[in-house]
């Protein structure tokens, strides 16, 4: 129905009317085939999930408030619990690389470990 209303032959010869008709036509082409619609819906869901992750709640956590242990190779690993029960783990290599946030694998919470890098001269 919208396509008929926006069709250029029906007197909607304005640039805006033409653009609206082209958008409707593209949407119809995309959504009329079940497989293409499924892929489109999956892409929308992924975008929504990415947006949630981008706007996830981030808490500052001081490194000294995290539990420290060493792995089998003797490298440091800091950890703390997430509100959902999962664990945040920060490795020495991540710390050296200057990681800014850790994301929970089970929920949308992320933490920002607070620390200062030691000067190598001292």
Protein backbone atom coordinates (compact mmCIF):
# COMPACT_ATOMS: atom_id res chain seq x y z
CA UNK A 1 0.00 0.00 0.00
CA UNK A 2 2.78 2.45 0.88
CA UNK A 3 4.55 1.63 -2.37
CA UNK A 4 1.41 2.55 -4.33
CA UNK A 5 1.06 5.80 -2.39
CA UNK A 6 4.73 6.72 -2.93
CA UNK A 7 4.99 5.52 -6.53
CA UNK A 8 6.29 8.28 -8.86
CA UNK A 9 3.43 7.65 -11.33
CA UNK A 10 0.93 8.61 -8.61
CA UNK A 11 2.11 12.21 -8.48
CA UNK A 12 4.87 11.89 -5.86
CA UNK A 13 7.50 13.22 -8.23
CA UNK A 14 9.37 15.14 -5.53
CA UNK A 15 12.92 14.04 -4.69
CA UNK A 16 11.73 13.09 -1.19
CA UNK A 17 8.85 11.04 -2.61
CA UNK A 18 11.18 9.26 -5.01
CA UNK A 19 13.65 8.52 -2.19
CA UNK A 20 10.83 7.13 -0.02
CA UNK A 21 9.69 4.89 -2.88
CA UNK A 22 13.25 3.61 -3.47
CA UNK A 23 13.63 2.82 0.25
CA UNK A 24 10.31 0.95 0.29
CA UNK A 25 11.33 -1.03 -2.79
CA UNK A 26 14.69 -1.95 -1.23
CA UNK A 27 12.99 -3.03 2.00
CA UNK A 28 10.53 -5.20 0.07
CA UNK A 29 13.32 -6.85 -1.93
CA UNK A 30 15.23 -7.57 1.27
CA UNK A 31 12.36 -8.86 3.38
CA UNK A 32 10.27 -10.85 0.93
CA UNK A 33 12.62 -13.87 0.85
CA UNK A 34 12.65 -15.83 4.13
CA UNK A 35 16.41 -16.57 4.07
CA UNK A 36 17.35 -12.94 3.37
CA UNK A 37 14.94 -11.80 6.07
CA UNK A 38 16.50 -14.26 8.54
CA UNK A 39 19.98 -12.89 7.77
CA UNK A 40 18.69 -9.32 8.08
CA UNK A 41 17.05 -10.08 11.43
CA UNK A 42 20.26 -11.75 12.66
CA UNK A 43 22.29 -8.70 11.62
CA UNK A 44 19.86 -6.40 13.45
CA UNK A 45 20.13 -8.56 16.56
CA UNK A 46 23.93 -8.43 16.35
CA UNK A 47 23.83 -4.62 16.01
CA UNK A 48 21.54 -4.40 19.03
CA UNK A 49 23.87 -6.65 21.03
CA UNK A 50 26.89 -4.57 19.96
CA UNK A 51 25.10 -1.40 21.06
CA UNK A 52 24.30 -2.95 24.44
CA UNK A 53 27.93 -3.92 24.86
CA UNK A 54 29.08 -0.45 23.83
CA UNK A 55 26.79 1.18 26.36
CA UNK A 56 27.33 -1.45 29.03
CA UNK A 57 27.71 -0.37 32.60
CA UNK A 58 31.38 0.01 33.48
CA UNK A 59 32.68 0.04 37.04
CA UNK A 60 36.10 1.23 38.13
CA UNK A 61 37.92 -1.44 40.16
CA UNK A 62 41.26 -0.76 41.81
CA UNK A 63 43.79 -3.46 41.03
CA UNK A 64 44.59 -3.76 44.74
CA UNK A 65 40.93 -4.75 45.35
CA UNK A 66 41.25 -7.72 42.99
CA UNK A 67 42.53 -11.13 44.08
CA UNK A 68 46.05 -11.91 42.89
CA UNK A 69 47.49 -15.31 41.99
CA UNK A 70 50.14 -16.66 39.68
CA UNK A 71 49.43 -19.05 36.84
CA UNK A 72 51.43 -22.21 36.11
CA UNK A 73 54.10 -20.17 34.32
CA UNK A 74 54.48 -17.71 37.19
CA UNK A 75 52.66 -14.83 35.46
CA UNK A 76 50.34 -12.69 37.55
CA UNK A 77 46.56 -13.04 37.23
CA UNK A 78 44.12 -10.71 38.97
CA UNK A 79 40.48 -11.68 39.35
CA UNK A 80 37.24 -10.45 40.86
CA UNK A 81 33.62 -11.56 40.83
CA UNK A 82 31.00 -10.03 38.58
CA UNK A 83 27.53 -9.25 39.94
CA UNK A 84 26.19 -12.15 37.81
CA UNK A 85 28.53 -14.67 39.42
CA UNK A 86 31.05 -14.90 36.57
CA UNK A 87 34.68 -13.93 37.08
CA UNK A 88 36.73 -11.12 35.57
CA UNK A 89 40.31 -12.21 34.94
CA UNK A 90 43.15 -9.82 34.12
CA UNK A 91 46.46 -11.30 33.05
CA UNK A 92 49.87 -9.73 33.34
CA UNK A 93 50.14 -9.63 29.54
CA UNK A 94 46.82 -7.75 29.26
CA UNK A 95 48.03 -5.34 31.91
CA UNK A 96 51.32 -4.79 30.06
CA UNK A 97 49.41 -4.17 26.83
CA UNK A 98 47.47 -1.39 28.57
CA UNK A 99 44.01 -2.95 28.52
CA UNK A 100 41.34 -0.40 29.43
CA UNK A 101 38.28 -2.53 30.16
CA UNK A 102 37.35 -6.13 30.81
CA UNK A 103 33.93 -7.34 29.69
CA UNK A 104 31.96 -9.98 31.51
CA UNK A 105 31.29 -13.01 29.33
CA UNK A 106 27.89 -13.60 30.97
CA UNK A 107 26.30 -10.16 31.27
CA UNK A 108 26.70 -6.57 30.07
CA UNK A 109 28.88 -5.37 32.94
CA UNK A 110 32.45 -4.35 32.28
CA UNK A 111 35.14 -3.13 34.63
CA UNK A 112 37.93 -0.64 34.22
CA UNK A 113 40.95 -1.82 36.23
CA UNK A 114 42.64 1.16 37.88
CA UNK A 115 46.42 0.97 38.08
CA UNK A 116 49.55 2.93 37.37
CA UNK A 117 52.32 1.48 35.27
CA UNK A 118 55.65 1.43 37.14
CA UNK A 119 58.47 3.39 35.56
CA UNK A 120 61.07 1.02 34.11
CA UNK A 121 63.85 3.36 35.23
CA UNK A 122 63.13 2.73 38.91
